Protein backbone atom coordinates (compact mmCIF):
# COMPACT_ATOMS: atom_id res chain seq x y z
CA MET A 1 31.69 -18.06 53.09
CA THR A 2 33.54 -20.97 54.66
CA ALA A 3 36.51 -22.73 53.17
CA THR A 4 35.88 -26.12 51.63
CA ARG A 5 38.01 -29.19 52.21
CA TYR A 6 39.57 -28.56 48.78
CA ASP A 7 40.43 -24.97 49.76
CA ARG A 8 42.08 -26.10 52.99
CA ARG A 9 44.08 -28.79 51.15
CA MET A 10 45.25 -26.37 48.47
CA TYR A 11 46.19 -23.82 51.14
CA ALA A 12 48.22 -26.46 52.97
CA VAL A 13 49.99 -27.54 49.76
CA MET A 14 50.77 -23.98 48.68
CA ASN A 15 52.11 -23.07 52.12
CA ASP A 16 54.16 -26.23 52.69
CA ARG A 17 57.63 -24.88 53.48
CA ARG A 18 59.59 -28.16 53.16
CA ALA A 19 60.95 -27.13 49.75
CA ALA A 20 61.36 -23.45 50.65
CA ALA A 21 65.16 -23.65 50.50
CA VAL A 22 64.91 -24.17 46.74
CA TYR A 23 63.17 -20.82 46.20
CA ALA A 24 64.12 -18.95 49.38
CA THR A 25 66.14 -16.17 47.76
CA GLY A 26 65.70 -13.86 44.80
CA PRO A 27 68.56 -15.37 42.76
CA ARG A 28 67.16 -18.86 43.26
CA ARG A 29 63.69 -17.75 42.16
CA ARG A 30 65.16 -16.01 39.11
CA LEU A 31 66.97 -19.24 38.23
CA LEU A 32 63.73 -21.21 38.63
CA VAL A 33 61.82 -18.72 36.47
CA GLY A 34 64.55 -18.87 33.81
CA ALA A 35 64.51 -22.67 33.82
CA HIS A 36 60.71 -22.71 33.71
CA PHE A 37 60.76 -20.24 30.82
CA ALA A 38 63.26 -22.41 28.93
CA LEU A 39 61.19 -25.55 29.54
CA THR A 40 58.02 -23.72 28.48
CA VAL A 41 59.64 -22.55 25.24
CA THR A 42 60.98 -26.06 24.60
CA GLY A 43 57.65 -27.70 25.37
CA VAL A 44 55.60 -25.29 23.27
CA GLY A 45 58.10 -25.58 20.43
CA ALA A 46 57.89 -29.38 20.64
CA TRP A 47 54.10 -29.25 20.69
CA ILE A 48 54.06 -26.98 17.64
CA ALA A 49 56.49 -29.35 15.91
CA THR A 50 54.25 -32.34 16.67
CA VAL A 51 51.41 -30.57 14.88
CA PHE A 52 53.32 -29.12 11.92
CA ALA A 53 56.31 -31.46 11.41
CA PRO A 54 56.57 -35.15 10.61
CA GLY A 55 58.23 -37.66 12.92
CA TYR A 56 58.12 -38.63 16.57
CA GLY A 57 61.11 -36.65 17.83
CA PRO A 58 59.04 -33.68 19.03
CA VAL A 59 56.68 -36.01 20.92
CA VAL A 60 59.66 -37.48 22.78
CA VAL A 61 60.98 -34.00 23.58
CA LEU A 62 57.54 -32.96 24.85
CA ALA A 63 57.29 -36.06 27.04
CA VAL A 64 60.76 -35.49 28.51
CA VAL A 65 60.10 -31.81 29.22
CA MET A 66 56.72 -32.30 30.92
CA LEU A 67 57.83 -33.73 34.29
CA PRO A 68 60.47 -31.09 35.09
CA TRP A 69 58.07 -28.39 33.83
CA ILE A 70 55.35 -29.62 36.19
CA LEU A 71 57.78 -29.75 39.12
CA LEU A 72 59.07 -26.23 38.43
CA THR A 73 55.51 -24.95 38.10
CA GLY A 74 54.79 -26.37 41.55
CA MET A 75 57.92 -24.78 42.99
CA LEU A 76 57.02 -21.40 41.52
CA ASN A 77 53.49 -21.67 42.88
CA GLY A 78 54.94 -22.62 46.26
CA SER A 79 57.27 -19.63 46.18
CA THR A 80 54.26 -17.34 45.80
CA ARG A 81 52.34 -19.31 48.43
CA GLY A 82 49.57 -19.94 45.95
CA LEU A 83 48.97 -16.30 45.11
CA LEU A 84 47.54 -17.19 41.69
CA GLU A 85 46.17 -20.64 42.49
CA LEU A 86 44.20 -20.13 45.68
CA ARG A 87 40.67 -18.81 45.65
CA ALA A 88 40.15 -15.20 46.74
CA ARG A 89 38.51 -16.22 50.02
CA MET A 90 41.74 -17.99 51.04
CA LEU A 91 43.89 -14.86 50.57
CA ASP A 92 44.17 -11.83 52.83
CA GLU A 93 43.77 -8.25 51.60
CA ARG A 94 47.49 -7.75 50.99
CA GLN A 95 47.65 -10.90 48.88
CA LEU A 96 44.58 -9.88 46.88
CA VAL A 97 46.16 -6.51 46.08
CA GLU A 98 49.43 -8.19 45.11
CA ARG A 99 47.60 -10.67 42.87
CA ASP A 100 45.87 -7.78 41.09
CA ARG A 101 49.23 -6.00 40.63
CA VAL A 102 50.88 -9.16 39.30
CA ARG A 103 48.08 -9.79 36.82
CA ALA A 104 48.09 -6.18 35.62
CA LEU A 105 51.86 -6.16 35.10
CA ALA A 106 51.82 -9.56 33.38
CA HIS A 107 49.06 -8.47 31.04
CA ARG A 108 50.92 -5.26 30.24
CA ILE A 109 54.02 -7.27 29.32
CA THR A 110 51.92 -9.62 27.22
CA LEU A 111 50.31 -6.66 25.47
CA TRP A 112 53.70 -5.39 24.33
CA LEU A 113 54.65 -8.90 23.24
CA LEU A 114 51.47 -9.04 21.15
CA VAL A 115 52.29 -5.65 19.62
CA ALA A 116 55.79 -6.87 18.74
CA VAL A 117 54.50 -10.12 17.23
CA ALA A 118 51.78 -8.37 15.24
CA SER A 119 54.27 -5.79 13.98
CA GLY A 120 56.82 -8.44 13.10
CA THR A 121 54.21 -10.49 11.29
CA GLY A 122 53.11 -7.41 9.34
CA VAL A 123 56.67 -6.56 8.37
CA TYR A 124 57.31 -10.19 7.38
CA GLY A 125 54.21 -10.17 5.20
CA ALA A 126 55.16 -6.87 3.58
CA LEU A 127 58.76 -7.88 2.83
CA THR A 128 58.17 -11.41 1.58
CA ASP A 129 55.70 -13.15 -0.64
CA ALA A 130 55.50 -16.13 1.72
CA PRO A 131 52.03 -17.00 3.02
CA LEU A 132 51.49 -15.89 6.60
CA ARG A 133 49.30 -18.88 7.41
CA ALA A 134 52.28 -21.10 8.24
CA ALA A 135 53.82 -18.49 10.55
CA VAL A 136 50.74 -17.14 12.30
CA THR A 137 49.53 -20.33 13.99
CA PRO A 138 52.82 -21.16 15.74
CA LEU A 139 53.18 -17.51 16.79
CA LEU A 140 49.68 -17.47 18.23
CA VAL A 141 50.33 -20.69 20.16
CA GLY A 142 53.58 -19.24 21.51
CA VAL A 143 51.97 -15.98 22.56
CA LEU A 144 49.10 -17.88 24.19
CA ALA A 145 51.59 -19.91 26.23
CA VAL A 146 53.43 -16.77 27.33
CA HIS A 147 50.12 -15.08 28.21
CA TRP A 148 49.20 -18.11 30.31
CA MET A 149 52.54 -18.33 32.16
CA MET A 150 53.45 -14.65 32.50
CA PRO A 151 51.47 -14.04 35.73
CA LEU A 152 53.29 -16.94 37.42
CA TRP A 153 56.70 -15.70 36.26
CA VAL A 154 55.94 -12.13 37.35
CA ALA A 155 54.59 -13.27 40.72
CA ALA A 156 57.65 -15.45 41.40
CA LEU A 157 60.00 -12.61 40.47
CA ARG A 158 58.14 -10.15 42.73
CA VAL A 159 58.18 -12.33 45.87
CA GLN A 160 60.12 -10.73 48.68
CA ASP A 161 62.72 -12.77 50.56
CA GLU A 162 61.61 -13.80 54.02
CA LEU A 163 63.57 -12.43 56.95
CA GLY A 164 64.67 -15.88 58.14
CA ASP A 165 65.98 -16.86 54.70
CA ASP A 166 69.22 -14.88 54.99
CA VAL A 167 70.14 -16.71 58.19
CA GLY A 168 69.64 -20.09 56.53
CA ASP A 169 71.83 -19.13 53.58
CA ALA A 170 74.72 -17.98 55.77
CA SER A 171 75.13 -21.35 57.48
C-alpha cells in the first residue's frame, strides 16, 4: 500500500531534526518526560476541579497548562520519531517491534497502577464511611489520563541516544 500525502507529511514532521538538541540525550528526555508528567497531572487535576469544584480558577490553570503541554507532547513525539503516531506502513520492522514493546510495557505499568488504585479505593471504603462516589470519578479520570500518556512516556524514556549527539554536547 502506498503512503498518502498525510502519511508523508506526518513522517516529515516526526523526523524533523531542527529541535533535536532539546531531546538529544537521555537526561534531556527524562527532564522532558518529567515536565510533561507534571503538566499532565496539573492539567488533569485542573480539569477534574472544573467539573467538581466551583469557580473559574481551575479553568485558568487548564488554559495556561495546555500550550506547554502540547509543545512538550510534540517534542516527545519528535524524540521517538513518531513511533506511536505514524501508521504501521510508515515504520520499518525494527520500529514496529519497538512500538509493540513500548505498548506492552506501558500497559503493564498501567495495570499495576490500576491494581494500586483499586486496592486503595477498597481500603478507603473499608476504613471510612465516606461515599466512594466522590473519590472514584476523579481517580478514574486520572488513571485514564495516565493510561493514555504512558506509552509516550515509556517510548521517550527508551529512545537510544544517537551517535552524533555526544559530539554536539561536547562543543
